[in-house]
């Protein structure tokens, strides 16, 4: 009976060791940039960038891509890609964005601004 307990203990320790190795390699892979962290930039000029990405469902996602001075909104699926909007102006997008604070927060902040 003592031999069986030792065998089970060896099995559990080997399982923990293998799972630890898998987790360690996963962390190293993410730090090395092998995960889905975005494009690899080579060279000094950065002409292409993924600004934002949002998953719509398990099969589709919307990606906002900046190229030089233009932004493009692209719908990516498993077997197809579709350009939703192209040549979005950078300055127009920044001007049309609402402020970060909602209006009721601004209203609460007005007495503080008047006092200070």
PDB file of N, CA and C in Angstrom:
ATOM      1  N   UNK A   1       0.832  -1.191   0.000  1.00  0.00           N
ATOM      2  CA  UNK A   1       0.000   0.000   0.000  1.00  0.00           C
ATOM      3  C   UNK A   1       0.869   1.244   0.000  1.00  0.00           C
ATOM      4  N   UNK A   2       2.005   1.193   0.611  1.00  0.00           N
ATOM      5  CA  UNK A   2       2.896   2.332   0.668  1.00  0.00           C
ATOM      6  C   UNK A   2       3.454   2.667  -0.717  1.00  0.00           C
ATOM      7  N   UNK A   3       3.657   1.678  -1.542  1.00  0.00           N
ATOM      8  CA  UNK A   3       4.182   1.884  -2.892  1.00  0.00           C
ATOM      9  C   UNK A   3       3.160   2.618  -3.753  1.00  0.00           C
ATOM     10  N   UNK A   4       1.895   2.317  -3.588  1.00  0.00           N
ATOM     11  CA  UNK A   4       0.849   2.990  -4.365  1.00  0.00           C
ATOM     12  C   UNK A   4       0.793   4.478  -4.019  1.00  0.00           C
ATOM     13  N   UNK A   5       0.923   4.822  -2.774  1.00  0.00           N
ATOM     14  CA  UNK A   5       0.892   6.216  -2.345  1.00  0.00           C
ATOM     15  C   UNK A   5       2.084   6.967  -2.951  1.00  0.00           C
ATOM     16  N   UNK A   6       3.226   6.341  -2.992  1.00  0.00           N
ATOM     17  CA  UNK A   6       4.409   6.972  -3.573  1.00  0.00           C
ATOM     18  C   UNK A   6       4.216   7.177  -5.069  1.00  0.00           C
ATOM     19  N   UNK A   7       3.620   6.198  -5.743  1.00  0.00           N
ATOM     20  CA  UNK A   7       3.362   6.339  -7.181  1.00  0.00           C
ATOM     21  C   UNK A   7       2.374   7.472  -7.463  1.00  0.00           C
ATOM     22  N   UNK A   8       1.310   7.582  -6.654  1.00  0.00           N
ATOM     23  CA  UNK A   8       0.355   8.676  -6.830  1.00  0.00           C
ATOM     24  C   UNK A   8       1.012  10.026  -6.558  1.00  0.00           C
ATOM     25  N   UNK A   9       1.861  10.067  -5.558  1.00  0.00           N
ATOM     26  CA  UNK A   9       2.564  11.309  -5.238  1.00  0.00           C
ATOM     27  C   UNK A   9       3.502  11.718  -6.377  1.00  0.00           C
ATOM     28  N   UNK A  10       4.197  10.758  -6.957  1.00  0.00           N
ATOM     29  CA  UNK A  10       5.059  11.046  -8.110  1.00  0.00           C
ATOM     30  C   UNK A  10       4.237  11.558  -9.288  1.00  0.00           C
ATOM     31  N   UNK A  11       3.079  10.940  -9.517  1.00  0.00           N
ATOM     32  CA  UNK A  11       2.214  11.376 -10.612  1.00  0.00           C
ATOM     33  C   UNK A  11       1.748  12.808 -10.415  1.00  0.00           C
ATOM     34  N   UNK A  12       1.310  13.148  -9.223  1.00  0.00           N
ATOM     35  CA  UNK A  12       0.819  14.498  -8.940  1.00  0.00           C
ATOM     36  C   UNK A  12       1.958  15.514  -9.071  1.00  0.00           C
ATOM     37  N   UNK A  13       3.122  15.181  -8.552  1.00  0.00           N
ATOM     38  CA  UNK A  13       4.247  16.110  -8.670  1.00  0.00           C
ATOM     39  C   UNK A  13       4.686  16.288 -10.119  1.00  0.00           C
ATOM     40  N   UNK A  14       4.667  15.225 -10.912  1.00  0.00           N
ATOM     41  CA  UNK A  14       5.012  15.336 -12.333  1.00  0.00           C
ATOM     42  C   UNK A  14       3.985  16.186 -13.076  1.00  0.00           C
ATOM     43  N   UNK A  15       2.712  16.026 -12.728  1.00  0.00           N
ATOM     44  CA  UNK A  15       1.659  16.822 -13.357  1.00  0.00           C
ATOM     45  C   UNK A  15       1.826  18.303 -13.025  1.00  0.00           C
ATOM     46  N   UNK A  16       2.100  18.617 -11.769  1.00  0.00           N
ATOM     47  CA  UNK A  16       2.314  20.012 -11.364  1.00  0.00           C
ATOM     48  C   UNK A  16       3.540  20.587 -12.072  1.00  0.00           C
ATOM     49  N   UNK A  17       4.591  19.797 -12.195  1.00  0.00           N
ATOM     50  CA  UNK A  17       5.804  20.249 -12.881  1.00  0.00           C
ATOM     51  C   UNK A  17       5.527  20.562 -14.353  1.00  0.00           C
ATOM     52  N   UNK A  18       4.810  19.670 -15.049  1.00  0.00           N
ATOM     53  CA  UNK A  18       4.511  19.875 -16.475  1.00  0.00           C
ATOM     54  C   UNK A  18       3.600  21.087 -16.661  1.00  0.00           C
ATOM     55  N   UNK A  19       2.590  21.231 -15.819  1.00  0.00           N
ATOM     56  CA  UNK A  19       1.710  22.405 -15.925  1.00  0.00           C
ATOM     57  C   UNK A  19       2.475  23.691 -15.637  1.00  0.00           C
ATOM     58  N   UNK A  20       3.410  23.645 -14.705  1.00  0.00           N
ATOM     59  CA  UNK A  20       4.260  24.809 -14.430  1.00  0.00           C
ATOM     60  C   UNK A  20       5.135  25.164 -15.624  1.00  0.00           C
ATOM     61  N   UNK A  21       5.688  24.141 -16.285  1.00  0.00           N
ATOM     62  CA  UNK A  21       6.479  24.399 -17.491  1.00  0.00           C
ATOM     63  C   UNK A  21       5.637  25.032 -18.592  1.00  0.00           C
ATOM     64  N   UNK A  22       4.434  24.529 -18.797  1.00  0.00           N
ATOM     65  CA  UNK A  22       3.545  25.087 -19.829  1.00  0.00           C
ATOM     66  C   UNK A  22       3.219  26.544 -19.499  1.00  0.00           C
ATOM     67  N   UNK A  23       2.885  26.833 -18.247  1.00  0.00           N
ATOM     68  CA  UNK A  23       2.591  28.210 -17.845  1.00  0.00           C
ATOM     69  C   UNK A  23       3.795  29.126 -18.002  1.00  0.00           C
ATOM     70  N   UNK A  24       4.971  28.621 -17.633  1.00  0.00           N
ATOM     71  CA  UNK A  24       6.189  29.426 -17.772  1.00  0.00           C
ATOM     72  C   UNK A  24       6.507  29.746 -19.216  1.00  0.00           C
ATOM     73  N   UNK A  25       6.363  28.747 -20.092  1.00  0.00           N
ATOM     74  CA  UNK A  25       6.598  28.998 -21.519  1.00  0.00           C
ATOM     75  C   UNK A  25       5.557  29.945 -22.106  1.00  0.00           C
ATOM     76  N   UNK A  26       4.327  29.886 -21.618  1.00  0.00           N
ATOM     77  CA  UNK A  26       3.298  30.815 -22.095  1.00  0.00           C
ATOM     78  C   UNK A  26       3.635  32.253 -21.716  1.00  0.00           C
ATOM     79  N   UNK A  27       4.122  32.449 -20.499  1.00  0.00           N
ATOM     80  CA  UNK A  27       4.504  33.794 -20.063  1.00  0.00           C
ATOM     81  C   UNK A  27       5.699  34.298 -20.868  1.00  0.00           C
ATOM     82  N   UNK A  28       6.675  33.438 -21.089  1.00  0.00           N
ATOM     83  CA  UNK A  28       7.832  33.825 -21.906  1.00  0.00           C
ATOM     84  C   UNK A  28       7.423  34.156 -23.342  1.00  0.00           C
ATOM     85  N   UNK A  29       6.497  33.392 -23.889  1.00  0.00           N
ATOM     86  CA  UNK A  29       6.042  33.649 -25.260  1.00  0.00           C
ATOM     87  C   UNK A  29       5.341  34.997 -25.351  1.00  0.00           C
ATOM     88  N   UNK A  30       4.528  35.345 -24.358  1.00  0.00           N
ATOM     89  CA  UNK A  30       3.853  36.648 -24.374  1.00  0.00           C
ATOM     90  C   UNK A  30       4.852  37.786 -24.262  1.00  0.00           C
ATOM     91  N   UNK A  31       5.849  37.629 -23.409  1.00  0.00           N
ATOM     92  CA  UNK A  31       6.858  38.677 -23.261  1.00  0.00           C
ATOM     93  C   UNK A  31       7.719  38.816 -24.507  1.00  0.00           C
ATOM     94  N   UNK A  32       7.899  37.723 -25.238  1.00  0.00           N
ATOM     95  CA  UNK A  32       8.703  37.758 -26.457  1.00  0.00           C
ATOM     96  C   UNK A  32       7.892  38.281 -27.642  1.00  0.00           C
ATOM     97  N   UNK A  33       6.590  38.504 -27.459  1.00  0.00           N
ATOM     98  CA  UNK A  33       5.769  39.045 -28.533  1.00  0.00           C
ATOM     99  C   UNK A  33       5.196  37.988 -29.453  1.00  0.00           C
ATOM    100  N   UNK A  34       5.114  36.750 -28.991  1.00  0.00           N
ATOM    101  CA  UNK A  34       4.582  35.693 -29.842  1.00  0.00           C
ATOM    102  C   UNK A  34       3.073  35.547 -29.734  1.00  0.00           C
ATOM    103  N   UNK A  35       2.446  36.290 -28.840  1.00  0.00           N
ATOM    104  CA  UNK A  35       1.004  36.233 -28.693  1.00  0.00           C
ATOM    105  C   UNK A  35       0.333  37.172 -29.681  1.00  0.00           C
ATOM    106  N   UNK A  36      -0.966  37.390 -29.509  1.00  0.00           N
ATOM    107  CA  UNK A  36      -1.722  38.292 -30.376  1.00  0.00           C
ATOM    108  C   UNK A  36      -1.667  39.703 -29.791  1.00  0.00           C
ATOM    109  N   UNK A  37      -0.481  40.301 -29.793  1.00  0.00           N
ATOM    110  CA  UNK A  37      -0.296  41.618 -29.185  1.00  0.00           C
ATOM    111  C   UNK A  37      -0.198  42.735 -30.202  1.00  0.00           C
ATOM    112  N   UNK A  38      -0.327  42.446 -31.463  1.00  0.00           N
ATOM    113  CA  UNK A  38      -0.229  43.487 -32.470  1.00  0.00           C
ATOM    114  C   UNK A  38       0.942  43.256 -33.391  1.00  0.00           C
ATOM    115  N   UNK A  39       1.123  44.148 -34.323  1.00  0.00           N
ATOM    116  CA  UNK A  39       2.162  43.956 -35.339  1.00  0.00           C
ATOM    117  C   UNK A  39       3.564  44.230 -34.801  1.00  0.00           C
ATOM    118  N   UNK A  40       4.528  43.639 -35.445  1.00  0.00           N
ATOM    119  CA  UNK A  40       5.930  43.882 -35.118  1.00  0.00           C
ATOM    120  C   UNK A  40       6.416  45.012 -36.013  1.00  0.00           C
ATOM    121  N   UNK A  41       6.973  46.051 -35.424  1.00  0.00           N
ATOM    122  CA  UNK A  41       7.441  47.211 -36.178  1.00  0.00           C
ATOM    123  C   UNK A  41       8.937  47.056 -36.418  1.00  0.00           C
ATOM    124  N   UNK A  42       9.336  47.135 -37.676  1.00  0.00           N
ATOM    125  CA  UNK A  42      10.755  47.074 -38.015  1.00  0.00           C
ATOM    126  C   UNK A  42      11.147  48.406 -38.620  1.00  0.00           C
ATOM    127  N   UNK A  43      12.243  48.932 -38.186  1.00  0.00           N
ATOM    128  CA  UNK A  43      12.683  50.226 -38.679  1.00  0.00           C
ATOM    129  C   UNK A  43      12.241  51.332 -37.745  1.00  0.00           C
ATOM    130  N   UNK A  44      12.648  52.547 -38.086  1.00  0.00           N
ATOM    131  CA  UNK A  44      12.348  53.687 -37.216  1.00  0.00           C
ATOM    132  C   UNK A  44      10.998  54.310 -37.534  1.00  0.00           C
ATOM    133  N   UNK A  45      10.594  54.327 -38.799  1.00  0.00           N
ATOM    134  CA  UNK A  45       9.329  54.967 -39.138  1.00  0.00           C
ATOM    135  C   UNK A  45       8.186  53.981 -38.919  1.00  0.00           C
ATOM    136  N   UNK A  46       7.191  54.454 -38.234  1.00  0.00           N
ATOM    137  CA  UNK A  46       6.022  53.638 -37.912  1.00  0.00           C
ATOM    138  C   UNK A  46       4.853  54.172 -38.723  1.00  0.00           C
ATOM    139  N   UNK A  47       4.637  53.584 -39.886  1.00  0.00           N
ATOM    140  CA  UNK A  47       3.602  54.083 -40.788  1.00  0.00           C
ATOM    141  C   UNK A  47       2.269  53.388 -40.586  1.00  0.00           C
ATOM    142  N   UNK A  48       2.285  52.198 -40.038  1.00  0.00           N
ATOM    143  CA  UNK A  48       1.068  51.404 -39.906  1.00  0.00           C
ATOM    144  C   UNK A  48       0.875  51.023 -38.445  1.00  0.00           C
ATOM    145  N   UNK A  49      -0.357  51.230 -37.935  1.00  0.00           N
ATOM    146  CA  UNK A  49      -0.627  50.899 -36.537  1.00  0.00           C
ATOM    147  C   UNK A  49      -2.078  50.480 -36.383  1.00  0.00           C
ATOM    148  N   UNK A  50      -2.310  49.561 -35.465  1.00  0.00           N
ATOM    149  CA  UNK A  50      -3.666  49.185 -35.090  1.00  0.00           C
ATOM    150  C   UNK A  50      -4.045  50.064 -33.911  1.00  0.00           C
ATOM    151  N   UNK A  51      -5.016  50.924 -34.121  1.00  0.00           N
ATOM    152  CA  UNK A  51      -5.424  51.880 -33.099  1.00  0.00           C
ATOM    153  C   UNK A  51      -6.337  51.213 -32.076  1.00  0.00           C
ATOM    154  N   UNK A  52      -7.333  50.485 -32.554  1.00  0.00           N
ATOM    155  CA  UNK A  52      -8.289  49.860 -31.657  1.00  0.00           C
ATOM    156  C   UNK A  52      -8.853  48.622 -32.326  1.00  0.00           C
ATOM    157  N   UNK A  53      -9.192  47.628 -31.535  1.00  0.00           N
ATOM    158  CA  UNK A  53      -9.759  46.396 -32.046  1.00  0.00           C
ATOM    159  C   UNK A  53     -10.871  45.968 -31.106  1.00  0.00           C
ATOM    160  N   UNK A  54     -12.014  45.562 -31.675  1.00  0.00           N
ATOM    161  CA  UNK A  54     -13.139  45.156 -30.852  1.00  0.00           C
ATOM    162  C   UNK A  54     -13.757  43.895 -31.436  1.00  0.00           C
ATOM    163  N   UNK A  55     -13.986  42.908 -30.594  1.00  0.00           N
ATOM    164  CA  UNK A  55     -14.579  41.654 -31.033  1.00  0.00           C
ATOM    165  C   UNK A  55     -16.096  41.808 -31.060  1.00  0.00           C
ATOM    166  N   UNK A  56     -16.699  41.466 -32.197  1.00  0.00           N
ATOM    167  CA  UNK A  56     -18.154  41.520 -32.306  1.00  0.00           C
ATOM    168  C   UNK A  56     -18.782  40.210 -31.858  1.00  0.00           C
ATOM    169  N   UNK A  57     -18.228  39.114 -32.283  1.00  0.00           N
ATOM    170  CA  UNK A  57     -18.627  37.779 -31.879  1.00  0.00           C
ATOM    171  C   UNK A  57     -17.423  36.868 -32.075  1.00  0.00           C
ATOM    172  N   UNK A  58     -17.551  35.572 -31.797  1.00  0.00           N
ATOM    173  CA  UNK A  58     -16.361  34.714 -31.918  1.00  0.00           C
ATOM    174  C   UNK A  58     -15.761  34.645 -33.318  1.00  0.00           C
ATOM    175  N   UNK A  59     -16.515  35.026 -34.334  1.00  0.00           N
ATOM    176  CA  UNK A  59     -16.011  34.904 -35.704  1.00  0.00           C
ATOM    177  C   UNK A  59     -15.639  36.240 -36.346  1.00  0.00           C
ATOM    178  N   UNK A  60     -16.082  37.361 -35.781  1.00  0.00           N
ATOM    179  CA  UNK A  60     -15.839  38.660 -36.427  1.00  0.00           C
ATOM    180  C   UNK A  60     -15.303  39.671 -35.440  1.00  0.00           C
ATOM    181  N   UNK A  61     -14.476  40.593 -35.974  1.00  0.00           N
ATOM    182  CA  UNK A  61     -13.971  41.709 -35.173  1.00  0.00           C
ATOM    183  C   UNK A  61     -13.815  42.932 -36.057  1.00  0.00           C
ATOM    184  N   UNK A  62     -13.923  44.112 -35.432  1.00  0.00           N
ATOM    185  CA  UNK A  62     -13.756  45.386 -36.123  1.00  0.00           C
ATOM    186  C   UNK A  62     -12.415  45.960 -35.688  1.00  0.00           C
ATOM    187  N   UNK A  63     -11.628  46.428 -36.662  1.00  0.00           N
ATOM    188  CA  UNK A  63     -10.295  46.938 -36.384  1.00  0.00           C
ATOM    189  C   UNK A  63     -10.163  48.333 -36.981  1.00  0.00           C
ATOM    190  N   UNK A  64      -9.662  49.275 -36.195  1.00  0.00           N
ATOM    191  CA  UNK A  64      -9.366  50.624 -36.671  1.00  0.00           C
ATOM    192  C   UNK A  64      -7.871  50.696 -36.923  1.00  0.00           C
ATOM    193  N   UNK A  65      -7.496  50.931 -38.185  1.00  0.00           N
ATOM    194  CA  UNK A  65      -6.097  50.903 -38.609  1.00  0.00           C
ATOM    195  C   UNK A  65      -5.689  52.303 -39.042  1.00  0.00           C
ATOM    196  N   UNK A  66      -4.506  52.761 -38.584  1.00  0.00           N
ATOM    197  CA  UNK A  66      -3.968  54.041 -39.025  1.00  0.00           C
ATOM    198  C   UNK A  66      -2.811  53.781 -39.980  1.00  0.00           C
ATOM    199  N   UNK A  67      -2.880  54.408 -41.158  1.00  0.00           N
ATOM    200  CA  UNK A  67      -1.819  54.325 -42.153  1.00  0.00           C
ATOM    201  C   UNK A  67      -1.471  55.741 -42.543  1.00  0.00           C
ATOM    202  N   UNK A  68      -0.220  56.127 -42.329  1.00  0.00           N
ATOM    203  CA  UNK A  68       0.250  57.492 -42.588  1.00  0.00           C
ATOM    204  C   UNK A  68      -0.670  58.489 -41.900  1.00  0.00           C
ATOM    205  N   UNK A  69      -1.445  59.251 -42.655  1.00  0.00           N
ATOM    206  CA  UNK A  69      -2.325  60.261 -42.069  1.00  0.00           C
ATOM    207  C   UNK A  69      -3.798  59.926 -42.237  1.00  0.00           C
ATOM    208  N   UNK A  70      -4.131  58.668 -42.431  1.00  0.00           N
ATOM    209  CA  UNK A  70      -5.520  58.266 -42.624  1.00  0.00           C
ATOM    210  C   UNK A  70      -5.829  57.066 -41.744  1.00  0.00           C
ATOM    211  N   UNK A  71      -7.094  56.961 -41.351  1.00  0.00           N
ATOM    212  CA  UNK A  71      -7.544  55.817 -40.581  1.00  0.00           C
ATOM    213  C   UNK A  71      -8.570  55.052 -41.387  1.00  0.00           C
ATOM    214  N   UNK A  72      -8.570  53.738 -41.238  1.00  0.00           N
ATOM    215  CA  UNK A  72      -9.482  52.869 -41.973  1.00  0.00           C
ATOM    216  C   UNK A  72     -10.164  51.937 -40.979  1.00  0.00           C
ATOM    217  N   UNK A  73     -11.474  51.757 -41.136  1.00  0.00           N
ATOM    218  CA  UNK A  73     -12.244  50.856 -40.290  1.00  0.00           C
ATOM    219  C   UNK A  73     -12.527  49.591 -41.087  1.00  0.00           C
ATOM    220  N   UNK A  74     -12.071  48.440 -40.579  1.00  0.00           N
ATOM    221  CA  UNK A  74     -12.137  47.188 -41.319  1.00  0.00           C
ATOM    222  C   UNK A  74     -12.864  46.144 -40.480  1.00  0.00           C
ATOM    223  N   UNK A  75     -13.753  45.383 -41.129  1.00  0.00           N
ATOM    224  CA  UNK A  75     -14.444  44.262 -40.504  1.00  0.00           C
ATOM    225  C   UNK A  75     -13.740  42.986 -40.931  1.00  0.00           C
ATOM    226  N   UNK A  76     -13.214  42.239 -39.960  1.00  0.00           N
ATOM    227  CA  UNK A  76     -12.483  41.012 -40.255  1.00  0.00           C
ATOM    228  C   UNK A  76     -13.313  39.814 -39.823  1.00  0.00           C
ATOM    229  N   UNK A  77     -13.443  38.852 -40.745  1.00  0.00           N
ATOM    230  CA  UNK A  77     -14.148  37.607 -40.452  1.00  0.00           C
ATOM    231  C   UNK A  77     -13.215  36.435 -40.664  1.00  0.00           C
ATOM    232  N   UNK A  78     -13.752  35.238 -40.580  1.00  0.00           N
ATOM    233  CA  UNK A  78     -12.918  34.049 -40.748  1.00  0.00           C
ATOM    234  C   UNK A  78     -12.465  33.911 -42.195  1.00  0.00           C
ATOM    235  N   UNK A  79     -13.372  34.101 -43.148  1.00  0.00           N
ATOM    236  CA  UNK A  79     -13.011  33.890 -44.549  1.00  0.00           C
ATOM    237  C   UNK A  79     -13.079  35.143 -45.396  1.00  0.00           C
ATOM    238  N   UNK A  80     -13.412  36.279 -44.804  1.00  0.00           N
ATOM    239  CA  UNK A  80     -13.498  37.498 -45.612  1.00  0.00           C
ATOM    240  C   UNK A  80     -13.164  38.729 -44.778  1.00  0.00           C
ATOM    241  N   UNK A  81     -12.813  39.789 -45.491  1.00  0.00           N
ATOM    242  CA  UNK A  81     -12.552  41.091 -44.891  1.00  0.00           C
ATOM    243  C   UNK A  81     -13.397  42.113 -45.637  1.00  0.00           C
ATOM    244  N   UNK A  82     -13.820  43.140 -44.934  1.00  0.00           N
ATOM    245  CA  UNK A  82     -14.631  44.170 -45.568  1.00  0.00           C
ATOM    246  C   UNK A  82     -14.237  45.524 -44.994  1.00  0.00           C
ATOM    247  N   UNK A  83     -14.009  46.485 -45.898  1.00  0.00           N
ATOM    248  CA  UNK A  83     -13.699  47.846 -45.467  1.00  0.00           C
ATOM    249  C   UNK A  83     -15.019  48.555 -45.201  1.00  0.00           C
ATOM    250  N   UNK A  84     -15.212  48.985 -43.975  1.00  0.00           N
ATOM    251  CA  UNK A  84     -16.450  49.667 -43.612  1.00  0.00           C
ATOM    252  C   UNK A  84     -16.351  51.143 -43.959  1.00  0.00           C
ATOM    253  N   UNK A  85     -15.251  51.765 -43.551  1.00  0.00           N
ATOM    254  CA  UNK A  85     -15.054  53.188 -43.816  1.00  0.00           C
ATOM    255  C   UNK A  85     -13.572  53.419 -44.051  1.00  0.00           C
ATOM    256  N   UNK A  86     -13.267  54.263 -45.009  1.00  0.00           N
ATOM    257  CA  UNK A  86     -11.872  54.501 -45.339  1.00  0.00           C
ATOM    258  C   UNK A  86     -11.582  55.993 -45.346  1.00  0.00           C
ATOM    259  N   UNK A  87     -10.307  56.329 -45.204  1.00  0.00           N
ATOM    260  CA  UNK A  87      -9.847  57.726 -45.221  1.00  0.00           C
ATOM    261  C   UNK A  87     -10.513  58.570 -44.147  1.00  0.00           C
ATOM    262  N   UNK A  88     -10.618  58.042 -42.947  1.00  0.00           N
ATOM    263  CA  UNK A  88     -11.123  58.848 -41.846  1.00  0.00           C
ATOM    264  C   UNK A  88     -10.074  59.893 -41.505  1.00  0.00           C
ATOM    265  N   UNK A  89     -10.472  61.132 -41.424  1.00  0.00           N
ATOM    266  CA  UNK A  89      -9.519  62.196 -41.127  1.00  0.00           C
ATOM    267  C   UNK A  89      -9.169  62.163 -39.642  1.00  0.00           C
ATOM    268  N   UNK A  90      -7.908  62.281 -39.334  1.00  0.00           N
ATOM    269  CA  UNK A  90      -7.470  62.242 -37.940  1.00  0.00           C
ATOM    270  C   UNK A  90      -7.953  63.453 -37.170  1.00  0.00           C
ATOM    271  N   UNK A  91      -7.871  64.636 -37.748  1.00  0.00           N
ATOM    272  CA  UNK A  91      -8.284  65.841 -37.032  1.00  0.00           C
ATOM    273  C   UNK A  91      -9.786  65.859 -36.838  1.00  0.00           C
ATOM    274  N   UNK A  92     -10.545  65.411 -37.825  1.00  0.00           N
ATOM    275  CA  UNK A  92     -12.002  65.377 -37.704  1.00  0.00           C
ATOM    276  C   UNK A  92     -12.450  64.399 -36.637  1.00  0.00           C
ATOM    277  N   UNK A  93     -11.764  63.277 -36.531  1.00  0.00           N
ATOM    278  CA  UNK A  93     -12.133  62.285 -35.524  1.00  0.00           C
ATOM    279  C   UNK A  93     -11.870  62.823 -34.125  1.00  0.00           C
ATOM    280  N   UNK A  94     -10.804  63.572 -33.944  1.00  0.00           N
ATOM    281  CA  UNK A  94     -10.496  64.107 -32.632  1.00  0.00           C
ATOM    282  C   UNK A  94     -11.451  65.227 -32.246  1.00  0.00           C
ATOM    283  N   UNK A  95     -11.869  66.027 -33.213  1.00  0.00           N
ATOM    284  CA  UNK A  95     -12.774  67.138 -32.909  1.00  0.00           C
ATOM    285  C   UNK A  95     -14.179  66.636 -32.608  1.00  0.00           C
ATOM    286  N   UNK A  96     -14.623  65.571 -33.256  1.00  0.00           N
ATOM    287  CA  UNK A  96     -15.983  65.090 -33.084  1.00  0.00           C
ATOM    288  C   UNK A  96     -16.156  64.237 -31.832  1.00  0.00           C
ATOM    289  N   UNK A  97     -15.053  63.798 -31.218  1.00  0.00           N
ATOM    290  CA  UNK A  97     -15.164  62.965 -30.032  1.00  0.00           C
ATOM    291  C   UNK A  97     -15.735  63.780 -28.879  1.00  0.00           C
ATOM    292  N   UNK A  98     -16.717  63.227 -28.174  1.00  0.00           N
ATOM    293  CA  UNK A  98     -17.236  63.954 -27.012  1.00  0.00           C
ATOM    294  C   UNK A  98     -16.188  63.978 -25.912  1.00  0.00           C
ATOM    295  N   UNK A  99     -16.367  64.917 -25.007  1.00  0.00           N
ATOM    296  CA  UNK A  99     -15.399  65.039 -23.922  1.00  0.00           C
ATOM    297  C   UNK A  99     -15.462  63.803 -23.034  1.00  0.00           C
ATOM    298  N   UNK A 100     -14.412  63.574 -22.293  1.00  0.00           N
ATOM    299  CA  UNK A 100     -14.317  62.366 -21.469  1.00  0.00           C
ATOM    300  C   UNK A 100     -15.300  62.402 -20.302  1.00  0.00           C
ATOM    301  N   UNK A 101     -15.616  63.608 -19.790  1.00  0.00           N
ATOM    302  CA  UNK A 101     -16.529  63.707 -18.662  1.00  0.00           C
ATOM    303  C   UNK A 101     -17.968  63.828 -19.167  1.00  0.00           C
ATOM    304  N   UNK A 102     -18.891  63.054 -18.604  1.00  0.00           N
ATOM    305  CA  UNK A 102     -20.309  63.233 -18.944  1.00  0.00           C
ATOM    306  C   UNK A 102     -20.802  64.582 -18.429  1.00  0.00           C
ATOM    307  N   UNK A 103     -21.931  65.030 -18.948  1.00  0.00           N
ATOM    308  CA  UNK A 103     -22.418  66.371 -18.629  1.00  0.00           C
ATOM    309  C   UNK A 103     -22.765  66.537 -17.148  1.00  0.00           C
ATOM    310  N   UNK A 104     -23.302  65.491 -16.498  1.00  0.00           N
ATOM    311  CA  UNK A 104     -23.645  65.647 -15.087  1.00  0.00           C
ATOM    312  C   UNK A 104     -22.397  65.779 -14.221  1.00  0.00           C
ATOM    313  N   UNK A 105     -21.290  65.185 -14.637  1.00  0.00           N
ATOM    314  CA  UNK A 105     -20.039  65.338 -13.905  1.00  0.00           C
ATOM    315  C   UNK A 105     -19.522  66.759 -14.092  1.00  0.00           C
ATOM    316  N   UNK A 106     -19.680  67.312 -15.290  1.00  0.00           N
ATOM    317  CA  UNK A 106     -19.295  68.707 -15.516  1.00  0.00           C
ATOM    318  C   UNK A 106     -20.126  69.641 -14.650  1.00  0.00           C
ATOM    319  N   UNK A 107     -21.421  69.345 -14.516  1.00  0.00           N
ATOM    320  CA  UNK A 107     -22.287  70.192 -13.693  1.00  0.00           C
ATOM    321  C   UNK A 107     -21.861  70.138 -12.230  1.00  0.00           C
ATOM    322  N   UNK A 108     -21.443  68.979 -11.782  1.00  0.00           N
ATOM    323  CA  UNK A 108     -20.969  68.872 -10.404  1.00  0.00           C
ATOM    324  C   UNK A 108     -19.640  69.580 -10.220  1.00  0.00           C
ATOM    325  N   UNK A 109     -18.877  69.696 -11.274  1.00  0.00           N
ATOM    326  CA  UNK A 109     -17.550  70.302 -11.217  1.00  0.00           C
ATOM    327  C   UNK A 109     -17.589  71.828 -11.327  1.00  0.00           C
ATOM    328  N   UNK A 110     -18.718  72.402 -11.764  1.00  0.00           N
ATOM    329  CA  UNK A 110     -18.818  73.860 -11.961  1.00  0.00           C
ATOM    330  C   UNK A 110     -18.575  74.651 -10.671  1.00  0.00           C
ATOM    331  N   UNK A 111     -19.157  74.280  -9.534  1.00  0.00           N
ATOM    332  CA  UNK A 111     -18.886  75.071  -8.316  1.00  0.00           C
ATOM    333  C   UNK A 111     -17.412  75.035  -7.924  1.00  0.00           C
ATOM    334  N   UNK A 112     -16.748  73.927  -8.163  1.00  0.00           N
ATOM    335  CA  UNK A 112     -15.314  73.843  -7.847  1.00  0.00           C
ATOM    336  C   UNK A 112     -14.508  74.771  -8.732  1.00  0.00           C
ATOM    337  N   UNK A 113     -14.892  74.884 -10.005  1.00  0.00           N
ATOM    338  CA  UNK A 113     -14.178  75.761 -10.933  1.00  0.00           C
ATOM    339  C   UNK A 113     -14.392  77.227 -10.557  1.00  0.00           C
ATOM    340  N   UNK A 114     -15.615  77.574 -10.150  1.00  0.00           N
ATOM    341  CA  UNK A 114     -15.911  78.960  -9.806  1.00  0.00           C
ATOM    342  C   UNK A 114     -15.163  79.372  -8.523  1.00  0.00           C
ATOM    343  N   UNK A 115     -15.033  78.437  -7.594  1.00  0.00           N
ATOM    344  CA  UNK A 115     -14.370  78.741  -6.336  1.00  0.00           C
ATOM    345  C   UNK A 115     -12.860  78.814  -6.512  1.00  0.00           C
ATOM    346  N   UNK A 116     -12.306  78.000  -7.429  1.00  0.00           N
ATOM    347  CA  UNK A 116     -10.845  77.960  -7.543  1.00  0.00           C
ATOM    348  C   UNK A 116     -10.399  78.660  -8.721  1.00  0.00           C
TER     349      UNK A 116
END
